[in-house]
Amino acid sequence: MSPWLVLAGLGAFHGLNPAMGWLFAVALGLNRDSRRAMWLSLLPIALGHALSVAVVVALVVALGMVVDPHLLRLISGTLLILWAAWHMLYGHRHRVRVGMQTGLAGLGLWSFLMATSHGAGLMLVPVIIPLCLAATPARELTAAGSLPVSLAAIGLHMAAMLAVTAAIAAAVFEWLGVGILRRGWINLDALWIAALTATGLSLIL
């Protein structure tokens, strides 16, 4: 499968998770009784998520310049599995909280911290390593050479995440209501932990 499709799919998966922002956007809109507040909140949520992913991408690319690719995969895979274990045991006790009166900057910071604490960027590592650290015979691997691909990867992931977040937030705000979480929403925490673990194993194996 194309790595670009995987990046878009992971963006959609991240947007599906209420913890990544759509639930807060809906709550903010309902709290302020404002459809505009709900829509405005989506931009800092997406930007905060993208910044968290960008930090991971930058670290992976920087390490890829000096660390053997096989070792980098082992380190990344182990970190992902450990992150999944931490999230399973303690993640629910360390929720990032922010009030309904926060501004756009505070909302962006909240989104950054949520994405980071959930290991959203780490989930992209199996795609980032071959995509952004692949040297060709015509071009040696350099940070400058990896930059355009890295930015495109982050942009595509953010666009997919924002599209799904916006679609769900609008549907819940306008028609479904937050009661859907009690009636039929799947356990995305368990699915998220499984995804982190599977991603880590794919890197190691």
C-alpha atoms as a PDB file:
ATOM      1  CA  MET A   1       0.000   0.000   0.000  1.00  0.00           C
ATOM      2  CA  SER A   2       1.217   3.519  -0.773  1.00  0.00           C
ATOM      3  CA  PRO A   3       2.781   5.235   2.271  1.00  0.00           C
ATOM      4  CA  TRP A   4       0.794   8.346   1.389  1.00  0.00           C
ATOM      5  CA  LEU A   5      -2.457   6.415   1.696  1.00  0.00           C
ATOM      6  CA  VAL A   6      -1.273   5.041   5.039  1.00  0.00           C
ATOM      7  CA  LEU A   7      -0.537   8.589   6.250  1.00  0.00           C
ATOM      8  CA  ALA A   8      -4.007   9.709   5.198  1.00  0.00           C
ATOM      9  CA  GLY A   9      -5.580   6.645   6.814  1.00  0.00           C
ATOM     10  CA  LEU A  10      -3.769   7.291  10.082  1.00  0.00           C
ATOM     11  CA  GLY A  11      -4.911  10.907   9.918  1.00  0.00           C
ATOM     12  CA  ALA A  12      -8.504   9.722   9.539  1.00  0.00           C
ATOM     13  CA  PHE A  13      -8.044   7.265  12.430  1.00  0.00           C
ATOM     14  CA  HIS A  14      -6.649  10.019  14.648  1.00  0.00           C
ATOM     15  CA  GLY A  15      -9.531  12.315  13.697  1.00  0.00           C
ATOM     16  CA  LEU A  16     -12.000   9.588  14.669  1.00  0.00           C
ATOM     17  CA  ASN A  17     -10.698   9.519  18.255  1.00  0.00           C
ATOM     18  CA  PRO A  18     -12.708  11.881  20.516  1.00  0.00           C
ATOM     19  CA  ALA A  19      -9.562  12.518  22.572  1.00  0.00           C
ATOM     20  CA  MET A  20      -7.873  14.079  19.541  1.00  0.00           C
ATOM     21  CA  GLY A  21     -10.294  16.996  19.470  1.00  0.00           C
ATOM     22  CA  TRP A  22     -13.736  16.607  17.968  1.00  0.00           C
ATOM     23  CA  LEU A  23     -15.387  15.993  21.338  1.00  0.00           C
ATOM     24  CA  PHE A  24     -13.810  19.134  22.776  1.00  0.00           C
ATOM     25  CA  ALA A  25     -14.883  21.146  19.720  1.00  0.00           C
ATOM     26  CA  VAL A  26     -18.467  19.972  20.192  1.00  0.00           C
ATOM     27  CA  ALA A  27     -18.378  20.649  23.949  1.00  0.00           C
ATOM     28  CA  LEU A  28     -16.967  24.130  23.354  1.00  0.00           C
ATOM     29  CA  GLY A  29     -19.669  24.904  20.801  1.00  0.00           C
ATOM     30  CA  LEU A  30     -22.425  23.657  23.105  1.00  0.00           C
ATOM     31  CA  ASN A  31     -20.978  25.479  26.121  1.00  0.00           C
ATOM     32  CA  ARG A  32     -20.941  28.766  24.217  1.00  0.00           C
ATOM     33  CA  ASP A  33     -24.117  27.945  22.275  1.00  0.00           C
ATOM     34  CA  SER A  34     -22.186  28.844  19.142  1.00  0.00           C
ATOM     35  CA  ARG A  35     -21.727  26.919  15.910  1.00  0.00           C
ATOM     36  CA  ARG A  36     -18.976  29.415  15.024  1.00  0.00           C
ATOM     37  CA  ALA A  37     -16.999  28.549  18.177  1.00  0.00           C
ATOM     38  CA  MET A  38     -17.157  24.884  17.248  1.00  0.00           C
ATOM     39  CA  TRP A  39     -15.828  25.503  13.739  1.00  0.00           C
ATOM     40  CA  LEU A  40     -13.136  27.949  14.870  1.00  0.00           C
ATOM     41  CA  SER A  41     -11.822  25.474  17.432  1.00  0.00           C
ATOM     42  CA  LEU A  42     -10.990  22.937  14.719  1.00  0.00           C
ATOM     43  CA  LEU A  43      -8.045  24.917  13.318  1.00  0.00           C
ATOM     44  CA  PRO A  44      -5.950  25.110  16.530  1.00  0.00           C
ATOM     45  CA  ILE A  45      -6.852  21.487  17.258  1.00  0.00           C
ATOM     46  CA  ALA A  46      -5.459  20.443  13.867  1.00  0.00           C
ATOM     47  CA  LEU A  47      -2.398  22.688  14.166  1.00  0.00           C
ATOM     48  CA  GLY A  48      -1.575  21.390  17.657  1.00  0.00           C
ATOM     49  CA  HIS A  49      -1.865  17.824  16.406  1.00  0.00           C
ATOM     50  CA  ALA A  50       0.323  18.602  13.387  1.00  0.00           C
ATOM     51  CA  LEU A  51       2.972  20.220  15.597  1.00  0.00           C
ATOM     52  CA  SER A  52       3.118  17.130  17.809  1.00  0.00           C
ATOM     53  CA  VAL A  53       3.547  14.926  14.735  1.00  0.00           C
ATOM     54  CA  ALA A  54       6.160  17.320  13.323  1.00  0.00           C
ATOM     55  CA  VAL A  55       8.287  16.994  16.467  1.00  0.00           C
ATOM     56  CA  VAL A  56       8.344  13.202  16.080  1.00  0.00           C
ATOM     57  CA  VAL A  57       9.097  13.427  12.348  1.00  0.00           C
ATOM     58  CA  ALA A  58      11.965  15.849  13.005  1.00  0.00           C
ATOM     59  CA  LEU A  59      13.437  13.549  15.654  1.00  0.00           C
ATOM     60  CA  VAL A  60      13.148  10.483  13.421  1.00  0.00           C
ATOM     61  CA  VAL A  61      14.788  12.264  10.486  1.00  0.00           C
ATOM     62  CA  ALA A  62      17.563  13.674  12.699  1.00  0.00           C
ATOM     63  CA  LEU A  63      18.271  10.256  14.240  1.00  0.00           C
ATOM     64  CA  GLY A  64      18.108   8.645  10.810  1.00  0.00           C
ATOM     65  CA  MET A  65      21.091  10.738   9.737  1.00  0.00           C
ATOM     66  CA  VAL A  66      23.357   9.221  12.385  1.00  0.00           C
ATOM     67  CA  VAL A  67      21.768   5.922  13.503  1.00  0.00           C
ATOM     68  CA  ASP A  68      21.684   2.653  11.591  1.00  0.00           C
ATOM     69  CA  PRO A  69      18.166   2.200  10.101  1.00  0.00           C
ATOM     70  CA  HIS A  70      17.743  -1.245  11.663  1.00  0.00           C
ATOM     71  CA  LEU A  71      18.672   0.097  15.093  1.00  0.00           C
ATOM     72  CA  LEU A  72      16.324   3.047  14.604  1.00  0.00           C
ATOM     73  CA  ARG A  73      13.471   0.672  13.851  1.00  0.00           C
ATOM     74  CA  LEU A  74      14.217  -1.410  16.954  1.00  0.00           C
ATOM     75  CA  ILE A  75      14.371   1.680  19.174  1.00  0.00           C
ATOM     76  CA  SER A  76      11.165   3.109  17.699  1.00  0.00           C
ATOM     77  CA  GLY A  77       9.302  -0.199  17.947  1.00  0.00           C
ATOM     78  CA  THR A  78      10.315  -0.727  21.556  1.00  0.00           C
ATOM     79  CA  LEU A  79       9.297   2.820  22.442  1.00  0.00           C
ATOM     80  CA  LEU A  80       5.895   2.326  20.827  1.00  0.00           C
ATOM     81  CA  ILE A  81       5.209  -0.873  22.768  1.00  0.00           C
ATOM     82  CA  LEU A  82       6.304   0.768  26.028  1.00  0.00           C
ATOM     83  CA  TRP A  83       4.092   3.767  25.223  1.00  0.00           C
ATOM     84  CA  ALA A  84       1.149   1.452  24.626  1.00  0.00           C
ATOM     85  CA  ALA A  85       1.785  -0.260  27.986  1.00  0.00           C
ATOM     86  CA  TRP A  86       1.981   3.096  29.778  1.00  0.00           C
ATOM     87  CA  HIS A  87      -1.191   4.278  28.076  1.00  0.00           C
ATOM     88  CA  MET A  88      -3.008   1.090  29.102  1.00  0.00           C
ATOM     89  CA  LEU A  89      -1.889   1.266  32.754  1.00  0.00           C
ATOM     90  CA  TYR A  90      -1.760   4.997  33.469  1.00  0.00           C
ATOM     91  CA  GLY A  91      -3.049   6.977  30.496  1.00  0.00           C
ATOM     92  CA  HIS A  92      -6.562   7.381  31.864  1.00  0.00           C
ATOM     93  CA  ARG A  93      -5.124   8.939  35.052  1.00  0.00           C
ATOM     94  CA  HIS A  94      -3.206  11.662  33.211  1.00  0.00           C
ATOM     95  CA  ARG A  95      -5.806  13.311  31.016  1.00  0.00           C
ATOM     96  CA  VAL A  96      -4.862  16.774  29.789  1.00  0.00           C
ATOM     97  CA  ARG A  97      -7.580  19.128  30.970  1.00  0.00           C
ATOM     98  CA  VAL A  98      -8.470  22.605  29.741  1.00  0.00           C
ATOM     99  CA  GLY A  99     -11.411  24.840  30.567  1.00  0.00           C
ATOM    100  CA  MET A 100     -14.187  25.878  28.229  1.00  0.00           C
ATOM    101  CA  GLN A 101     -12.997  29.510  28.436  1.00  0.00           C
ATOM    102  CA  THR A 102      -9.626  28.808  26.845  1.00  0.00           C
ATOM    103  CA  GLY A 103      -8.527  30.802  23.820  1.00  0.00           C
ATOM    104  CA  LEU A 104      -7.343  29.465  20.485  1.00  0.00           C
ATOM    105  CA  ALA A 105      -3.703  29.389  21.623  1.00  0.00           C
ATOM    106  CA  GLY A 106      -4.636  27.393  24.727  1.00  0.00           C
ATOM    107  CA  LEU A 107      -6.685  25.021  22.602  1.00  0.00           C
ATOM    108  CA  GLY A 108      -3.736  24.499  20.258  1.00  0.00           C
ATOM    109  CA  LEU A 109      -1.477  23.747  23.234  1.00  0.00           C
ATOM    110  CA  TRP A 110      -4.047  21.295  24.600  1.00  0.00           C
ATOM    111  CA  SER A 111      -4.212  19.524  21.240  1.00  0.00           C
ATOM    112  CA  PHE A 112      -0.410  19.323  21.080  1.00  0.00           C
ATOM    113  CA  LEU A 113      -0.233  17.804  24.567  1.00  0.00           C
ATOM    114  CA  MET A 114      -3.069  15.349  23.884  1.00  0.00           C
ATOM    115  CA  ALA A 115      -1.525  14.120  20.636  1.00  0.00           C
ATOM    116  CA  THR A 116       1.880  13.825  22.297  1.00  0.00           C
ATOM    117  CA  SER A 117       0.601  11.986  25.361  1.00  0.00           C
ATOM    118  CA  HIS A 118      -1.285   9.541  23.120  1.00  0.00           C
ATOM    119  CA  GLY A 119       1.775   8.865  20.961  1.00  0.00           C
ATOM    120  CA  ALA A 120       0.020  10.017  17.790  1.00  0.00           C
ATOM    121  CA  GLY A 121       3.279  10.965  16.083  1.00  0.00           C
ATOM    122  CA  LEU A 122       4.954   7.714  17.092  1.00  0.00           C
ATOM    123  CA  MET A 123       2.258   5.799  15.228  1.00  0.00           C
ATOM    124  CA  LEU A 124       3.553   7.320  11.987  1.00  0.00           C
ATOM    125  CA  VAL A 125       7.147   6.139  12.441  1.00  0.00           C
ATOM    126  CA  PRO A 126       6.858   2.984  10.247  1.00  0.00           C
ATOM    127  CA  VAL A 127       5.763   5.218   7.363  1.00  0.00           C
ATOM    128  CA  ILE A 128       8.145   8.092   8.088  1.00  0.00           C
ATOM    129  CA  ILE A 129      11.315   5.950   8.121  1.00  0.00           C
ATOM    130  CA  PRO A 130      11.057   4.655   4.532  1.00  0.00           C
ATOM    131  CA  LEU A 131       9.376   7.785   3.201  1.00  0.00           C
ATOM    132  CA  CYS A 132      11.613  10.495   4.651  1.00  0.00           C
ATOM    133  CA  LEU A 133      14.867   8.571   5.096  1.00  0.00           C
ATOM    134  CA  ALA A 134      15.129   6.891   1.706  1.00  0.00           C
ATOM    135  CA  ALA A 135      18.268   7.959  -0.157  1.00  0.00           C
ATOM    136  CA  THR A 136      18.467   7.401  -3.886  1.00  0.00           C
ATOM    137  CA  PRO A 137      21.559   6.829  -6.059  1.00  0.00           C
ATOM    138  CA  ALA A 138      21.156  10.348  -7.412  1.00  0.00           C
ATOM    139  CA  ARG A 139      20.820  12.000  -4.019  1.00  0.00           C
ATOM    140  CA  GLU A 140      22.502  11.327  -0.721  1.00  0.00           C
ATOM    141  CA  LEU A 141      20.301  11.381   2.346  1.00  0.00           C
ATOM    142  CA  THR A 142      20.346  14.886   3.828  1.00  0.00           C
ATOM    143  CA  ALA A 143      18.118  16.856   6.166  1.00  0.00           C
ATOM    144  CA  ALA A 144      17.442  19.384   3.388  1.00  0.00           C
ATOM    145  CA  GLY A 145      16.478  16.593   0.990  1.00  0.00           C
ATOM    146  CA  SER A 146      14.100  15.058   3.523  1.00  0.00           C
ATOM    147  CA  LEU A 147      12.427  18.365   4.406  1.00  0.00           C
ATOM    148  CA  PRO A 148       9.946  18.646   1.476  1.00  0.00           C
ATOM    149  CA  VAL A 149       8.828  15.023   1.867  1.00  0.00           C
ATOM    150  CA  SER A 150       8.500  15.438   5.637  1.00  0.00           C
ATOM    151  CA  LEU A 151       6.411  18.608   5.274  1.00  0.00           C
ATOM    152  CA  ALA A 152       4.185  16.941   2.668  1.00  0.00           C
ATOM    153  CA  ALA A 153       3.700  13.940   4.970  1.00  0.00           C
ATOM    154  CA  ILE A 154       2.735  16.152   7.912  1.00  0.00           C
ATOM    155  CA  GLY A 155       0.423  18.237   5.721  1.00  0.00           C
ATOM    156  CA  LEU A 156      -1.394  15.214   4.299  1.00  0.00           C
ATOM    157  CA  HIS A 157      -1.791  13.653   7.737  1.00  0.00           C
ATOM    158  CA  MET A 158      -3.128  16.911   9.186  1.00  0.00           C
ATOM    159  CA  ALA A 159      -5.567  17.413   6.299  1.00  0.00           C
ATOM    160  CA  ALA A 160      -7.024  13.918   6.700  1.00  0.00           C
ATOM    161  CA  MET A 161      -7.234  14.306  10.477  1.00  0.00           C
ATOM    162  CA  LEU A 162      -8.937  17.718  10.145  1.00  0.00           C
ATOM    163  CA  ALA A 163     -11.442  16.459   7.564  1.00  0.00           C
ATOM    164  CA  VAL A 164     -12.605  13.576   9.767  1.00  0.00           C
ATOM    165  CA  THR A 165     -12.566  15.690  12.943  1.00  0.00           C
ATOM    166  CA  ALA A 166     -14.675  18.377  11.263  1.00  0.00           C
ATOM    167  CA  ALA A 167     -17.137  15.867   9.805  1.00  0.00           C
ATOM    168  CA  ILE A 168     -17.727  14.108  13.131  1.00  0.00           C
ATOM    169  CA  ALA A 169     -17.867  17.348  15.134  1.00  0.00           C
ATOM    170  CA  ALA A 170     -20.459  18.801  12.738  1.00  0.00           C
ATOM    171  CA  ALA A 171     -22.561  15.625  12.768  1.00  0.00           C
ATOM    172  CA  VAL A 172     -22.534  15.364  16.563  1.00  0.00           C
ATOM    173  CA  PHE A 173     -23.143  19.089  17.099  1.00  0.00           C
ATOM    174  CA  GLU A 174     -25.949  19.404  14.541  1.00  0.00           C
ATOM    175  CA  TRP A 175     -27.765  16.070  14.672  1.00  0.00           C
ATOM    176  CA  LEU A 176     -26.438  13.215  16.790  1.00  0.00           C
ATOM    177  CA  GLY A 177     -25.633  14.828  20.146  1.00  0.00           C
ATOM    178  CA  VAL A 178     -22.963  13.672  22.579  1.00  0.00           C
ATOM    179  CA  GLY A 179     -25.264  10.924  23.827  1.00  0.00           C
ATOM    180  CA  ILE A 180     -23.952   8.795  20.974  1.00  0.00           C
ATOM    181  CA  LEU A 181     -20.858   8.170  23.098  1.00  0.00           C
ATOM    182  CA  ARG A 182     -23.008   6.408  25.662  1.00  0.00           C
ATOM    183  CA  ARG A 183     -25.231   4.578  23.180  1.00  0.00           C
ATOM    184  CA  GLY A 184     -22.910   3.090  20.633  1.00  0.00           C
ATOM    185  CA  TRP A 185     -19.391   4.499  20.426  1.00  0.00           C
ATOM    186  CA  ILE A 186     -16.629   1.902  20.281  1.00  0.00           C
ATOM    187  CA  ASN A 187     -13.859   1.715  22.879  1.00  0.00           C
ATOM    188  CA  LEU A 188     -11.238   3.738  21.018  1.00  0.00           C
ATOM    189  CA  ASP A 189      -8.832   3.654  23.965  1.00  0.00           C
ATOM    190  CA  ALA A 190      -8.470  -0.102  23.536  1.00  0.00           C
ATOM    191  CA  LEU A 191      -8.232   0.263  19.757  1.00  0.00           C
ATOM    192  CA  TRP A 192      -5.593   2.983  20.166  1.00  0.00           C
ATOM    193  CA  ILE A 193      -3.478   0.804  22.481  1.00  0.00           C
ATOM    194  CA  ALA A 194      -3.768  -2.083  20.021  1.00  0.00           C
ATOM    195  CA  ALA A 195      -2.681   0.185  17.165  1.00  0.00           C
ATOM    196  CA  LEU A 196       0.359   1.416  19.100  1.00  0.00           C
ATOM    197  CA  THR A 197       1.349  -2.159  19.950  1.00  0.00           C
ATOM    198  CA  ALA A 198       0.849  -3.422  16.400  1.00  0.00           C
ATOM    199  CA  THR A 199       2.878  -0.521  15.010  1.00  0.00           C
ATOM    200  CA  GLY A 200       5.700  -1.247  17.431  1.00  0.00           C
ATOM    201  CA  LEU A 201       5.734  -4.939  16.531  1.00  0.00           C
ATOM    202  CA  SER A 202       5.757  -4.113  12.820  1.00  0.00           C
ATOM    203  CA  LEU A 203       8.937  -2.091  13.334  1.00  0.00           C
ATOM    204  CA  ILE A 204      10.690  -4.780  15.385  1.00  0.00           C
ATOM    205  CA  LEU A 205       9.653  -7.755  13.255  1.00  0.00           C
END
